[in-house]
Amino acid sequence: MPGPIIPQPRSFTVEYHRRQNILTTPVKISEVFKPGSSKTQNFVETVGIWDTGATGSVITKEIIDSLKLKPIGNIEMRGVHGSKIVNTYLINIALPNGVEIVGVKATEAKQLSGNLGALIGMDIINHGDLAITNCGGKTIMTFRVPPIEKIDFNKDRPLTRQQRRRIFRKNQKKI
């Protein structure tokens, strides 16, 4: 299988009100279909957690049942609680601002913590550029597909001692 199709360049940015340990975004999930087809698709709206430690994306049994998805196979899923054989499904995922990932092979989970409906894993993240900053005491996450340029914080010129102090003080006030 060739992997997900990224229909057109898109990006989105989410600014949280404070520093976050968990990154979530709204997502819409549907049965796989070719973008631009005339067939009307049913989407289920939910919240997805972004997990760079997960190799693949996951959807809950509730989402699967709601969309009446049929499994395309199964796979051994390994996690902190051990491993088990779970069904896989072929889906489309719509992220904020029209970012669409087509043809995602997602695994089934009975449920995800916090009433989340999806987990966005590296199978989606590695199709684009993801950056996270905590400047000013707020977490800001931005994602774009396809990847456009190399992001390298080391290529920027070093900050002076005075600039580092100013940034440190500013960030401490907002915590």
C-alpha atoms as a PDB file:
ATOM      1  CA  MET A   1       0.000   0.000   0.000  1.00  0.00           C
ATOM      2  CA  PRO A   2       1.528   3.355  -1.026  1.00  0.00           C
ATOM      3  CA  GLY A   3       0.408   5.296   2.080  1.00  0.00           C
ATOM      4  CA  PRO A   4      -1.741   8.338   2.723  1.00  0.00           C
ATOM      5  CA  ILE A   5      -2.355  10.930   0.017  1.00  0.00           C
ATOM      6  CA  ILE A   6      -1.842  14.588   0.932  1.00  0.00           C
ATOM      7  CA  PRO A   7      -4.225  16.457  -1.424  1.00  0.00           C
ATOM      8  CA  GLN A   8      -2.842  20.021  -1.251  1.00  0.00           C
ATOM      9  CA  PRO A   9      -0.438  22.135   0.828  1.00  0.00           C
ATOM     10  CA  ARG A  10      -2.129  23.333   4.011  1.00  0.00           C
ATOM     11  CA  SER A  11      -1.227  24.337   7.552  1.00  0.00           C
ATOM     12  CA  PHE A  12      -2.773  25.230  10.878  1.00  0.00           C
ATOM     13  CA  THR A  13      -1.690  26.722  14.185  1.00  0.00           C
ATOM     14  CA  VAL A  14      -3.214  26.150  17.607  1.00  0.00           C
ATOM     15  CA  GLU A  15      -2.441  28.559  20.447  1.00  0.00           C
ATOM     16  CA  TYR A  16      -3.326  27.276  23.896  1.00  0.00           C
ATOM     17  CA  HIS A  17      -4.035  29.653  26.800  1.00  0.00           C
ATOM     18  CA  ARG A  18      -1.192  28.246  28.907  1.00  0.00           C
ATOM     19  CA  ARG A  19       1.588  25.655  28.724  1.00  0.00           C
ATOM     20  CA  GLN A  20       0.258  22.242  27.781  1.00  0.00           C
ATOM     21  CA  ASN A  21       1.510  18.725  28.420  1.00  0.00           C
ATOM     22  CA  ILE A  22      -1.145  17.263  26.118  1.00  0.00           C
ATOM     23  CA  LEU A  23      -1.693  18.563  22.580  1.00  0.00           C
ATOM     24  CA  THR A  24      -5.166  18.071  21.142  1.00  0.00           C
ATOM     25  CA  THR A  25      -7.024  19.398  18.110  1.00  0.00           C
ATOM     26  CA  PRO A  26     -10.467  18.947  16.628  1.00  0.00           C
ATOM     27  CA  VAL A  27     -10.560  16.249  13.926  1.00  0.00           C
ATOM     28  CA  LYS A  28     -13.144  14.891  11.527  1.00  0.00           C
ATOM     29  CA  ILE A  29     -12.959  11.226  10.604  1.00  0.00           C
ATOM     30  CA  SER A  30     -14.623   9.480   7.673  1.00  0.00           C
ATOM     31  CA  GLU A  31     -14.459   6.261   5.734  1.00  0.00           C
ATOM     32  CA  VAL A  32     -11.746   6.543   3.092  1.00  0.00           C
ATOM     33  CA  PHE A  33     -12.796   8.251  -0.142  1.00  0.00           C
ATOM     34  CA  LYS A  34     -11.090  10.031  -3.011  1.00  0.00           C
ATOM     35  CA  PRO A  35     -11.084  13.823  -2.545  1.00  0.00           C
ATOM     36  CA  GLY A  36     -13.285  15.587  -5.082  1.00  0.00           C
ATOM     37  CA  SER A  37     -15.545  12.572  -5.600  1.00  0.00           C
ATOM     38  CA  SER A  38     -19.243  13.309  -5.869  1.00  0.00           C
ATOM     39  CA  LYS A  39     -20.136  10.739  -3.209  1.00  0.00           C
ATOM     40  CA  THR A  40     -21.391  12.370   0.001  1.00  0.00           C
ATOM     41  CA  GLN A  41     -19.345  11.305   3.006  1.00  0.00           C
ATOM     42  CA  ASN A  42     -20.308  11.068   6.655  1.00  0.00           C
ATOM     43  CA  PHE A  43     -17.803  12.617   9.033  1.00  0.00           C
ATOM     44  CA  VAL A  44     -17.627  12.164  12.780  1.00  0.00           C
ATOM     45  CA  GLU A  45     -16.242  15.141  14.685  1.00  0.00           C
ATOM     46  CA  THR A  46     -14.099  14.403  17.710  1.00  0.00           C
ATOM     47  CA  VAL A  47     -10.931  15.501  19.485  1.00  0.00           C
ATOM     48  CA  GLY A  48      -7.579  13.916  18.661  1.00  0.00           C
ATOM     49  CA  ILE A  49      -4.449  13.792  20.786  1.00  0.00           C
ATOM     50  CA  TRP A  50      -1.069  14.280  19.041  1.00  0.00           C
ATOM     51  CA  ASP A  51       1.408  11.585  20.091  1.00  0.00           C
ATOM     52  CA  THR A  52       4.936  11.572  18.639  1.00  0.00           C
ATOM     53  CA  GLY A  53       5.583   8.366  20.604  1.00  0.00           C
ATOM     54  CA  ALA A  54       2.937   6.449  18.638  1.00  0.00           C
ATOM     55  CA  THR A  55       4.000   4.961  15.313  1.00  0.00           C
ATOM     56  CA  GLY A  56       0.434   4.781  14.027  1.00  0.00           C
ATOM     57  CA  SER A  57      -2.888   6.545  14.411  1.00  0.00           C
ATOM     58  CA  VAL A  58      -5.777   5.135  16.426  1.00  0.00           C
ATOM     59  CA  ILE A  59      -9.561   5.583  16.434  1.00  0.00           C
ATOM     60  CA  THR A  60     -12.017   4.434  19.073  1.00  0.00           C
ATOM     61  CA  LYS A  61     -14.635   1.718  18.792  1.00  0.00           C
ATOM     62  CA  GLU A  62     -17.294   4.420  19.189  1.00  0.00           C
ATOM     63  CA  ILE A  63     -16.034   6.213  16.041  1.00  0.00           C
ATOM     64  CA  ILE A  64     -15.825   2.908  14.155  1.00  0.00           C
ATOM     65  CA  ASP A  65     -19.392   1.973  15.099  1.00  0.00           C
ATOM     66  CA  SER A  66     -20.723   5.442  14.310  1.00  0.00           C
ATOM     67  CA  LEU A  67     -19.243   5.336  10.776  1.00  0.00           C
ATOM     68  CA  LYS A  68     -20.048   1.601  10.328  1.00  0.00           C
ATOM     69  CA  LEU A  69     -16.464   0.991   9.229  1.00  0.00           C
ATOM     70  CA  LYS A  70     -15.392  -2.432   8.013  1.00  0.00           C
ATOM     71  CA  PRO A  71     -11.959  -3.741   9.055  1.00  0.00           C
ATOM     72  CA  ILE A  72      -9.329  -4.124   6.334  1.00  0.00           C
ATOM     73  CA  GLY A  73      -7.122  -6.414   8.428  1.00  0.00           C
ATOM     74  CA  ASN A  74      -5.520  -6.631  11.832  1.00  0.00           C
ATOM     75  CA  ILE A  75      -2.216  -5.882  13.477  1.00  0.00           C
ATOM     76  CA  GLU A  76      -0.427  -6.487  16.756  1.00  0.00           C
ATOM     77  CA  MET A  77      -0.637  -3.247  18.748  1.00  0.00           C
ATOM     78  CA  ARG A  78       1.947  -2.768  21.477  1.00  0.00           C
ATOM     79  CA  GLY A  79       1.646  -0.268  24.289  1.00  0.00           C
ATOM     80  CA  VAL A  80       2.453   0.311  27.927  1.00  0.00           C
ATOM     81  CA  HIS A  81      -0.103  -2.333  28.959  1.00  0.00           C
ATOM     82  CA  GLY A  82       1.243  -5.060  26.681  1.00  0.00           C
ATOM     83  CA  SER A  83       0.265  -6.160  23.196  1.00  0.00           C
ATOM     84  CA  LYS A  84      -2.853  -7.489  21.506  1.00  0.00           C
ATOM     85  CA  ILE A  85      -4.277  -8.084  18.044  1.00  0.00           C
ATOM     86  CA  VAL A  86      -6.610  -5.287  16.906  1.00  0.00           C
ATOM     87  CA  ASN A  87      -8.523  -4.460  13.728  1.00  0.00           C
ATOM     88  CA  THR A  88      -7.306  -1.869  11.233  1.00  0.00           C
ATOM     89  CA  TYR A  89      -9.424   0.518   9.158  1.00  0.00           C
ATOM     90  CA  LEU A  90      -8.796   2.766   6.169  1.00  0.00           C
ATOM     91  CA  ILE A  91      -9.954   6.323   6.942  1.00  0.00           C
ATOM     92  CA  ASN A  92      -9.595   9.979   6.018  1.00  0.00           C
ATOM     93  CA  ILE A  93      -8.756  12.503   8.712  1.00  0.00           C
ATOM     94  CA  ALA A  94      -9.565  16.203   8.387  1.00  0.00           C
ATOM     95  CA  LEU A  95      -7.491  18.384  10.683  1.00  0.00           C
ATOM     96  CA  PRO A  96      -8.064  22.104  11.357  1.00  0.00           C
ATOM     97  CA  ASN A  97      -7.938  24.657   8.496  1.00  0.00           C
ATOM     98  CA  GLY A  98      -8.630  22.142   5.748  1.00  0.00           C
ATOM     99  CA  VAL A  99      -5.576  19.939   6.331  1.00  0.00           C
ATOM    100  CA  GLU A 100      -6.714  16.531   5.059  1.00  0.00           C
ATOM    101  CA  ILE A 101      -4.901  13.227   5.208  1.00  0.00           C
ATOM    102  CA  VAL A 102      -6.397  10.581   2.927  1.00  0.00           C
ATOM    103  CA  GLY A 103      -5.931   6.834   3.225  1.00  0.00           C
ATOM    104  CA  VAL A 104      -4.757   6.490   6.822  1.00  0.00           C
ATOM    105  CA  LYS A 105      -4.514   2.936   8.141  1.00  0.00           C
ATOM    106  CA  ALA A 106      -5.792   3.398  11.700  1.00  0.00           C
ATOM    107  CA  THR A 107      -5.955   0.823  14.462  1.00  0.00           C
ATOM    108  CA  GLU A 108      -8.884   0.245  16.788  1.00  0.00           C
ATOM    109  CA  ALA A 109      -8.894   1.081  20.479  1.00  0.00           C
ATOM    110  CA  LYS A 110     -11.756   0.294  22.808  1.00  0.00           C
ATOM    111  CA  GLN A 111     -11.364   3.802  24.207  1.00  0.00           C
ATOM    112  CA  LEU A 112      -8.784   6.544  24.703  1.00  0.00           C
ATOM    113  CA  SER A 113      -8.347   8.451  27.951  1.00  0.00           C
ATOM    114  CA  GLY A 114     -10.137  11.747  28.383  1.00  0.00           C
ATOM    115  CA  ASN A 115     -13.017  10.876  26.019  1.00  0.00           C
ATOM    116  CA  LEU A 116     -10.785  11.416  22.999  1.00  0.00           C
ATOM    117  CA  GLY A 117     -11.883   9.844  19.721  1.00  0.00           C
ATOM    118  CA  ALA A 118      -8.546   9.677  17.902  1.00  0.00           C
ATOM    119  CA  LEU A 119      -4.810   9.557  18.370  1.00  0.00           C
ATOM    120  CA  ILE A 120      -2.671  11.270  15.713  1.00  0.00           C
ATOM    121  CA  GLY A 121       0.524   9.232  15.410  1.00  0.00           C
ATOM    122  CA  MET A 122       3.761   9.502  13.479  1.00  0.00           C
ATOM    123  CA  ASP A 123       2.144   7.949  10.396  1.00  0.00           C
ATOM    124  CA  ILE A 124       0.396  11.324   9.942  1.00  0.00           C
ATOM    125  CA  ILE A 125       2.950  13.626  11.595  1.00  0.00           C
ATOM    126  CA  ASN A 126       5.795  12.435   9.358  1.00  0.00           C
ATOM    127  CA  HIS A 127       3.951  13.685   6.264  1.00  0.00           C
ATOM    128  CA  GLY A 128       4.584  17.275   7.330  1.00  0.00           C
ATOM    129  CA  ASP A 129       6.400  19.715   9.582  1.00  0.00           C
ATOM    130  CA  LEU A 130       5.420  19.971  13.251  1.00  0.00           C
ATOM    131  CA  ALA A 131       6.773  22.686  15.545  1.00  0.00           C
ATOM    132  CA  ILE A 132       5.922  23.420  19.163  1.00  0.00           C
ATOM    133  CA  THR A 133       6.923  26.457  21.191  1.00  0.00           C
ATOM    134  CA  ASN A 134       6.178  27.581  24.739  1.00  0.00           C
ATOM    135  CA  CYS A 135       7.104  31.227  24.304  1.00  0.00           C
ATOM    136  CA  GLY A 136       5.418  33.660  26.659  1.00  0.00           C
ATOM    137  CA  GLY A 137       4.057  30.896  28.881  1.00  0.00           C
ATOM    138  CA  LYS A 138       1.693  29.582  26.161  1.00  0.00           C
ATOM    139  CA  THR A 139       2.041  26.443  24.092  1.00  0.00           C
ATOM    140  CA  ILE A 140       1.716  27.021  20.359  1.00  0.00           C
ATOM    141  CA  MET A 141       1.639  24.090  17.946  1.00  0.00           C
ATOM    142  CA  THR A 142       1.836  24.487  14.186  1.00  0.00           C
ATOM    143  CA  PHE A 143       1.641  21.782  11.515  1.00  0.00           C
ATOM    144  CA  ARG A 144       1.932  21.910   7.729  1.00  0.00           C
ATOM    145  CA  VAL A 145       1.777  19.402   4.927  1.00  0.00           C
ATOM    146  CA  PRO A 146       3.765  18.687   2.901  1.00  0.00           C
ATOM    147  CA  PRO A 147       7.112  19.512   4.545  1.00  0.00           C
ATOM    148  CA  ILE A 148       8.488  22.673   2.955  1.00  0.00           C
ATOM    149  CA  GLU A 149      11.841  23.446   4.512  1.00  0.00           C
ATOM    150  CA  LYS A 150      14.254  22.226   7.139  1.00  0.00           C
ATOM    151  CA  ILE A 151      13.576  23.589  10.615  1.00  0.00           C
ATOM    152  CA  ASP A 152      16.842  24.021  12.523  1.00  0.00           C
ATOM    153  CA  PHE A 153      17.013  26.094  15.692  1.00  0.00           C
ATOM    154  CA  ASN A 154      20.809  25.709  15.783  1.00  0.00           C
ATOM    155  CA  LYS A 155      21.312  27.689  12.572  1.00  0.00           C
ATOM    156  CA  ASP A 156      19.987  30.864  14.211  1.00  0.00           C
ATOM    157  CA  ARG A 157      22.598  33.174  15.668  1.00  0.00           C
ATOM    158  CA  PRO A 158      23.210  32.680  19.390  1.00  0.00           C
ATOM    159  CA  LEU A 159      21.424  35.014  21.795  1.00  0.00           C
ATOM    160  CA  THR A 160      23.424  37.423  23.899  1.00  0.00           C
ATOM    161  CA  ARG A 161      23.415  37.010  27.675  1.00  0.00           C
ATOM    162  CA  GLN A 162      21.163  40.072  27.988  1.00  0.00           C
ATOM    163  CA  GLN A 163      18.656  38.632  25.470  1.00  0.00           C
ATOM    164  CA  ARG A 164      18.588  35.294  27.321  1.00  0.00           C
ATOM    165  CA  ARG A 165      17.914  37.065  30.653  1.00  0.00           C
ATOM    166  CA  ARG A 166      15.096  39.137  29.148  1.00  0.00           C
ATOM    167  CA  ILE A 167      13.432  36.031  27.669  1.00  0.00           C
ATOM    168  CA  PHE A 168      13.845  34.099  30.925  1.00  0.00           C
ATOM    169  CA  ARG A 169      12.271  36.902  33.010  1.00  0.00           C
ATOM    170  CA  LYS A 170       9.392  37.336  30.542  1.00  0.00           C
ATOM    171  CA  ASN A 171       8.619  33.604  30.593  1.00  0.00           C
ATOM    172  CA  GLN A 172       8.838  33.394  34.402  1.00  0.00           C
ATOM    173  CA  LYS A 173       6.225  36.168  34.792  1.00  0.00           C
ATOM    174  CA  LYS A 174       3.700  34.235  32.698  1.00  0.00           C
ATOM    175  CA  ILE A 175       3.957  30.912  34.513  1.00  0.00           C
END
